[in-house]
Amino acid sequence: MKPLHVILSVLGGAIAGAAIGLLVAPEKGEDTREKIVRLLKEKGITLKKDKLDELVDEIEDQVEKHI
């Protein structure tokens, strides 16, 4: 396979994956983050935005490990 074909295949796969992700995502990431913040505040936990982003990344890593 020529290098150009490989690059185009990878690019096409990435575009297709992103499009499918946008179509089947239950909610926008911002809305999900707001729900997480609200839930944590109800439990008496407050996080700054950067800490919330770290938490989301950690949760995402754990979910990927179990899929």
PDB file of N, CA and C in Angstrom:
ATOM      1  N   MET A   1       0.842  -1.171   0.000  1.00  0.00           N
ATOM      2  CA  MET A   1       0.000   0.000   0.000  1.00  0.00           C
ATOM      3  C   MET A   1       0.891   1.239   0.000  1.00  0.00           C
ATOM      4  N   LYS A   2       0.545   2.206  -0.796  1.00  0.00           N
ATOM      5  CA  LYS A   2       1.337   3.429  -0.877  1.00  0.00           C
ATOM      6  C   LYS A   2       1.112   4.277   0.368  1.00  0.00           C
ATOM      7  N   PRO A   3       2.129   5.023   0.773  1.00  0.00           N
ATOM      8  CA  PRO A   3       1.995   5.888   1.962  1.00  0.00           C
ATOM      9  C   PRO A   3       0.821   6.857   1.861  1.00  0.00           C
ATOM     10  N   LEU A   4       0.552   7.367   0.672  1.00  0.00           N
ATOM     11  CA  LEU A   4      -0.563   8.301   0.505  1.00  0.00           C
ATOM     12  C   LEU A   4      -1.891   7.618   0.804  1.00  0.00           C
ATOM     13  N   HIS A   5      -2.024   6.366   0.395  1.00  0.00           N
ATOM     14  CA  HIS A   5      -3.254   5.613   0.672  1.00  0.00           C
ATOM     15  C   HIS A   5      -3.437   5.392   2.167  1.00  0.00           C
ATOM     16  N   VAL A   6      -2.353   5.129   2.852  1.00  0.00           N
ATOM     17  CA  VAL A   6      -2.413   4.921   4.299  1.00  0.00           C
ATOM     18  C   VAL A   6      -2.852   6.209   4.984  1.00  0.00           C
ATOM     19  N   ILE A   7      -2.247   7.313   4.596  1.00  0.00           N
ATOM     20  CA  ILE A   7      -2.592   8.611   5.190  1.00  0.00           C
ATOM     21  C   ILE A   7      -4.050   8.949   4.923  1.00  0.00           C
ATOM     22  N   LEU A   8      -4.497   8.759   3.692  1.00  0.00           N
ATOM     23  CA  LEU A   8      -5.891   9.052   3.356  1.00  0.00           C
ATOM     24  C   LEU A   8      -6.852   8.123   4.100  1.00  0.00           C
ATOM     25  N   SER A   9      -6.462   6.869   4.289  1.00  0.00           N
ATOM     26  CA  SER A   9      -7.307   5.923   5.025  1.00  0.00           C
ATOM     27  C   SER A   9      -7.435   6.340   6.488  1.00  0.00           C
ATOM     28  N   VAL A  10      -6.324   6.720   7.096  1.00  0.00           N
ATOM     29  CA  VAL A  10      -6.345   7.152   8.488  1.00  0.00           C
ATOM     30  C   VAL A  10      -7.171   8.419   8.629  1.00  0.00           C
ATOM     31  N   LEU A  11      -6.966   9.366   7.739  1.00  0.00           N
ATOM     32  CA  LEU A  11      -7.721  10.618   7.772  1.00  0.00           C
ATOM     33  C   LEU A  11      -9.214  10.361   7.574  1.00  0.00           C
ATOM     34  N   GLY A  12      -9.555   9.513   6.631  1.00  0.00           N
ATOM     35  CA  GLY A  12     -10.958   9.178   6.388  1.00  0.00           C
ATOM     36  C   GLY A  12     -11.588   8.492   7.595  1.00  0.00           C
ATOM     37  N   GLY A  13     -10.841   7.594   8.231  1.00  0.00           N
ATOM     38  CA  GLY A  13     -11.344   6.922   9.430  1.00  0.00           C
ATOM     39  C   GLY A  13     -11.563   7.888  10.578  1.00  0.00           C
ATOM     40  N   ALA A  14     -10.633   8.832  10.724  1.00  0.00           N
ATOM     41  CA  ALA A  14     -10.772   9.825  11.798  1.00  0.00           C
ATOM     42  C   ALA A  14     -11.994  10.706  11.564  1.00  0.00           C
ATOM     43  N   ILE A  15     -12.203  11.117  10.342  1.00  0.00           N
ATOM     44  CA  ILE A  15     -13.371  11.950  10.023  1.00  0.00           C
ATOM     45  C   ILE A  15     -14.660  11.169  10.241  1.00  0.00           C
ATOM     46  N   ALA A  16     -14.689   9.921   9.794  1.00  0.00           N
ATOM     47  CA  ALA A  16     -15.886   9.098   9.984  1.00  0.00           C
ATOM     48  C   ALA A  16     -16.164   8.878  11.466  1.00  0.00           C
ATOM     49  N   GLY A  17     -15.123   8.601  12.236  1.00  0.00           N
ATOM     50  CA  GLY A  17     -15.288   8.393  13.677  1.00  0.00           C
ATOM     51  C   GLY A  17     -15.805   9.630  14.382  1.00  0.00           C
ATOM     52  N   ALA A  18     -15.268  10.784  14.010  1.00  0.00           N
ATOM     53  CA  ALA A  18     -15.719  12.039  14.617  1.00  0.00           C
ATOM     54  C   ALA A  18     -17.180  12.309  14.261  1.00  0.00           C
ATOM     55  N   ALA A  19     -17.542  12.072  13.023  1.00  0.00           N
ATOM     56  CA  ALA A  19     -18.924  12.302  12.599  1.00  0.00           C
ATOM     57  C   ALA A  19     -19.887  11.381  13.341  1.00  0.00           C
ATOM     58  N   ILE A  20     -19.531  10.122  13.466  1.00  0.00           N
ATOM     59  CA  ILE A  20     -20.388   9.174  14.185  1.00  0.00           C
ATOM     60  C   ILE A  20     -20.481   9.573  15.660  1.00  0.00           C
ATOM     61  N   GLY A  21     -19.355   9.971  16.235  1.00  0.00           N
ATOM     62  CA  GLY A  21     -19.353  10.417  17.627  1.00  0.00           C
ATOM     63  C   GLY A  21     -20.276  11.589  17.863  1.00  0.00           C
ATOM     64  N   LEU A  22     -20.285  12.537  16.940  1.00  0.00           N
ATOM     65  CA  LEU A  22     -21.168  13.691  17.066  1.00  0.00           C
ATOM     66  C   LEU A  22     -22.638  13.297  16.921  1.00  0.00           C
ATOM     67  N   LEU A  23     -22.893  12.337  16.061  1.00  0.00           N
ATOM     68  CA  LEU A  23     -24.279  11.934  15.824  1.00  0.00           C
ATOM     69  C   LEU A  23     -24.863  11.114  16.970  1.00  0.00           C
ATOM     70  N   VAL A  24     -24.063  10.300  17.617  1.00  0.00           N
ATOM     71  CA  VAL A  24     -24.600   9.406  18.643  1.00  0.00           C
ATOM     72  C   VAL A  24     -24.318   9.864  20.075  1.00  0.00           C
ATOM     73  N   ALA A  25     -23.592  10.950  20.245  1.00  0.00           N
ATOM     74  CA  ALA A  25     -23.300  11.444  21.593  1.00  0.00           C
ATOM     75  C   ALA A  25     -24.602  11.861  22.270  1.00  0.00           C
ATOM     76  N   PRO A  26     -24.801  11.436  23.518  1.00  0.00           N
ATOM     77  CA  PRO A  26     -26.057  11.747  24.196  1.00  0.00           C
ATOM     78  C   PRO A  26     -26.217  13.243  24.499  1.00  0.00           C
ATOM     79  N   GLU A  27     -25.144  13.902  24.850  1.00  0.00           N
ATOM     80  CA  GLU A  27     -25.195  15.323  25.171  1.00  0.00           C
ATOM     81  C   GLU A  27     -23.859  15.961  24.844  1.00  0.00           C
ATOM     82  N   LYS A  28     -23.860  17.279  24.812  1.00  0.00           N
ATOM     83  CA  LYS A  28     -22.606  17.990  24.614  1.00  0.00           C
ATOM     84  C   LYS A  28     -21.737  17.802  25.849  1.00  0.00           C
ATOM     85  N   GLY A  29     -20.427  17.799  25.649  1.00  0.00           N
ATOM     86  CA  GLY A  29     -19.490  17.649  26.752  1.00  0.00           C
ATOM     87  C   GLY A  29     -19.668  18.718  27.816  1.00  0.00           C
ATOM     88  N   GLU A  30     -19.957  19.936  27.372  1.00  0.00           N
ATOM     89  CA  GLU A  30     -20.155  21.047  28.317  1.00  0.00           C
ATOM     90  C   GLU A  30     -21.344  20.775  29.232  1.00  0.00           C
ATOM     91  N   ASP A  31     -22.428  20.249  28.657  1.00  0.00           N
ATOM     92  CA  ASP A  31     -23.611  19.927  29.471  1.00  0.00           C
ATOM     93  C   ASP A  31     -23.305  18.825  30.472  1.00  0.00           C
ATOM     94  N   THR A  32     -22.547  17.824  30.029  1.00  0.00           N
ATOM     95  CA  THR A  32     -22.180  16.730  30.918  1.00  0.00           C
ATOM     96  C   THR A  32     -21.314  17.233  32.063  1.00  0.00           C
ATOM     97  N   ARG A  33     -20.355  18.116  31.744  1.00  0.00           N
ATOM     98  CA  ARG A  33     -19.499  18.680  32.792  1.00  0.00           C
ATOM     99  C   ARG A  33     -20.328  19.479  33.799  1.00  0.00           C
ATOM    100  N   GLU A  34     -21.313  20.231  33.319  1.00  0.00           N
ATOM    101  CA  GLU A  34     -22.173  20.997  34.222  1.00  0.00           C
ATOM    102  C   GLU A  34     -22.937  20.061  35.161  1.00  0.00           C
ATOM    103  N   LYS A  35     -23.412  18.938  34.632  1.00  0.00           N
ATOM    104  CA  LYS A  35     -24.118  17.967  35.468  1.00  0.00           C
ATOM    105  C   LYS A  35     -23.195  17.388  36.533  1.00  0.00           C
ATOM    106  N   ILE A  36     -21.945  17.111  36.137  1.00  0.00           N
ATOM    107  CA  ILE A  36     -20.979  16.586  37.107  1.00  0.00           C
ATOM    108  C   ILE A  36     -20.737  17.603  38.207  1.00  0.00           C
ATOM    109  N   VAL A  37     -20.545  18.868  37.822  1.00  0.00           N
ATOM    110  CA  VAL A  37     -20.302  19.931  38.806  1.00  0.00           C
ATOM    111  C   VAL A  37     -21.494  20.054  39.751  1.00  0.00           C
ATOM    112  N   ARG A  38     -22.705  20.034  39.205  1.00  0.00           N
ATOM    113  CA  ARG A  38     -23.914  20.137  40.021  1.00  0.00           C
ATOM    114  C   ARG A  38     -24.011  18.978  41.015  1.00  0.00           C
ATOM    115  N   LEU A  39     -23.760  17.776  40.530  1.00  0.00           N
ATOM    116  CA  LEU A  39     -23.810  16.597  41.389  1.00  0.00           C
ATOM    117  C   LEU A  39     -22.773  16.693  42.509  1.00  0.00           C
ATOM    118  N   LEU A  40     -21.555  17.115  42.163  1.00  0.00           N
ATOM    119  CA  LEU A  40     -20.508  17.241  43.175  1.00  0.00           C
ATOM    120  C   LEU A  40     -20.856  18.326  44.190  1.00  0.00           C
ATOM    121  N   LYS A  41     -21.434  19.433  43.728  1.00  0.00           N
ATOM    122  CA  LYS A  41     -21.815  20.508  44.651  1.00  0.00           C
ATOM    123  C   LYS A  41     -22.891  20.037  45.618  1.00  0.00           C
ATOM    124  N   GLU A  42     -23.828  19.216  45.126  1.00  0.00           N
ATOM    125  CA  GLU A  42     -24.866  18.662  46.002  1.00  0.00           C
ATOM    126  C   GLU A  42     -24.246  17.805  47.105  1.00  0.00           C
ATOM    127  N   LYS A  43     -23.106  17.187  46.792  1.00  0.00           N
ATOM    128  CA  LYS A  43     -22.416  16.342  47.766  1.00  0.00           C
ATOM    129  C   LYS A  43     -21.433  17.143  48.614  1.00  0.00           C
ATOM    130  N   GLY A  44     -21.364  18.468  48.371  1.00  0.00           N
ATOM    131  CA  GLY A  44     -20.474  19.321  49.154  1.00  0.00           C
ATOM    132  C   GLY A  44     -19.051  19.390  48.634  1.00  0.00           C
ATOM    133  N   ILE A  45     -18.848  18.994  47.373  1.00  0.00           N
ATOM    134  CA  ILE A  45     -17.510  18.993  46.771  1.00  0.00           C
ATOM    135  C   ILE A  45     -17.459  20.078  45.707  1.00  0.00           C
ATOM    136  N   THR A  46     -16.473  20.961  45.799  1.00  0.00           N
ATOM    137  CA  THR A  46     -16.304  21.982  44.765  1.00  0.00           C
ATOM    138  C   THR A  46     -14.953  21.783  44.087  1.00  0.00           C
ATOM    139  N   LEU A  47     -14.952  21.928  42.780  1.00  0.00           N
ATOM    140  CA  LEU A  47     -13.735  21.766  41.993  1.00  0.00           C
ATOM    141  C   LEU A  47     -13.557  22.970  41.076  1.00  0.00           C
ATOM    142  N   LYS A  48     -12.304  23.361  40.890  1.00  0.00           N
ATOM    143  CA  LYS A  48     -12.006  24.378  39.893  1.00  0.00           C
ATOM    144  C   LYS A  48     -12.045  23.712  38.527  1.00  0.00           C
ATOM    145  N   LYS A  49     -12.149  24.532  37.478  1.00  0.00           N
ATOM    146  CA  LYS A  49     -12.284  24.001  36.126  1.00  0.00           C
ATOM    147  C   LYS A  49     -11.132  23.061  35.764  1.00  0.00           C
ATOM    148  N   ASP A  50      -9.911  23.424  36.107  1.00  0.00           N
ATOM    149  CA  ASP A  50      -8.788  22.562  35.740  1.00  0.00           C
ATOM    150  C   ASP A  50      -8.839  21.221  36.472  1.00  0.00           C
ATOM    151  N   LYS A  51      -9.312  21.233  37.702  1.00  0.00           N
ATOM    152  CA  LYS A  51      -9.457  19.980  38.451  1.00  0.00           C
ATOM    153  C   LYS A  51     -10.578  19.131  37.861  1.00  0.00           C
ATOM    154  N   LEU A  52     -11.646  19.792  37.413  1.00  0.00           N
ATOM    155  CA  LEU A  52     -12.745  19.067  36.784  1.00  0.00           C
ATOM    156  C   LEU A  52     -12.264  18.415  35.492  1.00  0.00           C
ATOM    157  N   ASP A  53     -11.470  19.150  34.718  1.00  0.00           N
ATOM    158  CA  ASP A  53     -10.929  18.579  33.485  1.00  0.00           C
ATOM    159  C   ASP A  53     -10.058  17.358  33.777  1.00  0.00           C
ATOM    160  N   GLU A  54      -9.265  17.436  34.847  1.00  0.00           N
ATOM    161  CA  GLU A  54      -8.444  16.282  35.240  1.00  0.00           C
ATOM    162  C   GLU A  54      -9.329  15.096  35.621  1.00  0.00           C
ATOM    163  N   LEU A  55     -10.407  15.375  36.352  1.00  0.00           N
ATOM    164  CA  LEU A  55     -11.328  14.319  36.754  1.00  0.00           C
ATOM    165  C   LEU A  55     -11.978  13.665  35.537  1.00  0.00           C
ATOM    166  N   VAL A  56     -12.404  14.484  34.593  1.00  0.00           N
ATOM    167  CA  VAL A  56     -13.035  13.958  33.379  1.00  0.00           C
ATOM    168  C   VAL A  56     -12.038  13.081  32.614  1.00  0.00           C
ATOM    169  N   ASP A  57     -10.788  13.524  32.510  1.00  0.00           N
ATOM    170  CA  ASP A  57      -9.776  12.723  31.824  1.00  0.00           C
ATOM    171  C   ASP A  57      -9.550  11.392  32.527  1.00  0.00           C
ATOM    172  N   GLU A  58      -9.523  11.425  33.849  1.00  0.00           N
ATOM    173  CA  GLU A  58      -9.317  10.199  34.618  1.00  0.00           C
ATOM    174  C   GLU A  58     -10.486   9.230  34.429  1.00  0.00           C
ATOM    175  N   ILE A  59     -11.704   9.756  34.458  1.00  0.00           N
ATOM    176  CA  ILE A  59     -12.885   8.914  34.249  1.00  0.00           C
ATOM    177  C   ILE A  59     -12.848   8.325  32.847  1.00  0.00           C
ATOM    178  N   GLU A  60     -12.495   9.148  31.878  1.00  0.00           N
ATOM    179  CA  GLU A  60     -12.424   8.691  30.497  1.00  0.00           C
ATOM    180  C   GLU A  60     -11.412   7.550  30.351  1.00  0.00           C
ATOM    181  N   ASP A  61     -10.255   7.674  30.993  1.00  0.00           N
ATOM    182  CA  ASP A  61      -9.247   6.617  30.943  1.00  0.00           C
ATOM    183  C   ASP A  61      -9.781   5.323  31.542  1.00  0.00           C
ATOM    184  N   GLN A  62     -10.490   5.420  32.669  1.00  0.00           N
ATOM    185  CA  GLN A  62     -11.043   4.231  33.317  1.00  0.00           C
ATOM    186  C   GLN A  62     -12.100   3.567  32.449  1.00  0.00           C
ATOM    187  N   VAL A  63     -12.939   4.367  31.806  1.00  0.00           N
ATOM    188  CA  VAL A  63     -13.979   3.808  30.930  1.00  0.00           C
ATOM    189  C   VAL A  63     -13.343   3.091  29.757  1.00  0.00           C
ATOM    190  N   GLU A  64     -12.309   3.698  29.176  1.00  0.00           N
ATOM    191  CA  GLU A  64     -11.636   3.069  28.029  1.00  0.00           C
ATOM    192  C   GLU A  64     -11.000   1.738  28.421  1.00  0.00           C
ATOM    193  N   LYS A  65     -10.499   1.630  29.645  1.00  0.00           N
ATOM    194  CA  LYS A  65      -9.879   0.383  30.092  1.00  0.00           C
ATOM    195  C   LYS A  65     -10.899  -0.739  30.198  1.00  0.00           C
ATOM    196  N   HIS A  66     -12.147  -0.400  30.510  1.00  0.00           N
ATOM    197  CA  HIS A  66     -13.168  -1.426  30.743  1.00  0.00           C
ATOM    198  C   HIS A  66     -14.036  -1.703  29.522  1.00  0.00           C
ATOM    199  N   ILE A  67     -13.726  -1.066  28.434  1.00  0.00           N
ATOM    200  CA  ILE A  67     -14.527  -1.317  27.215  1.00  0.00           C
ATOM    201  C   ILE A  67     -13.888  -2.415  26.392  1.00  0.00           C
TER     202      ILE A  67
END
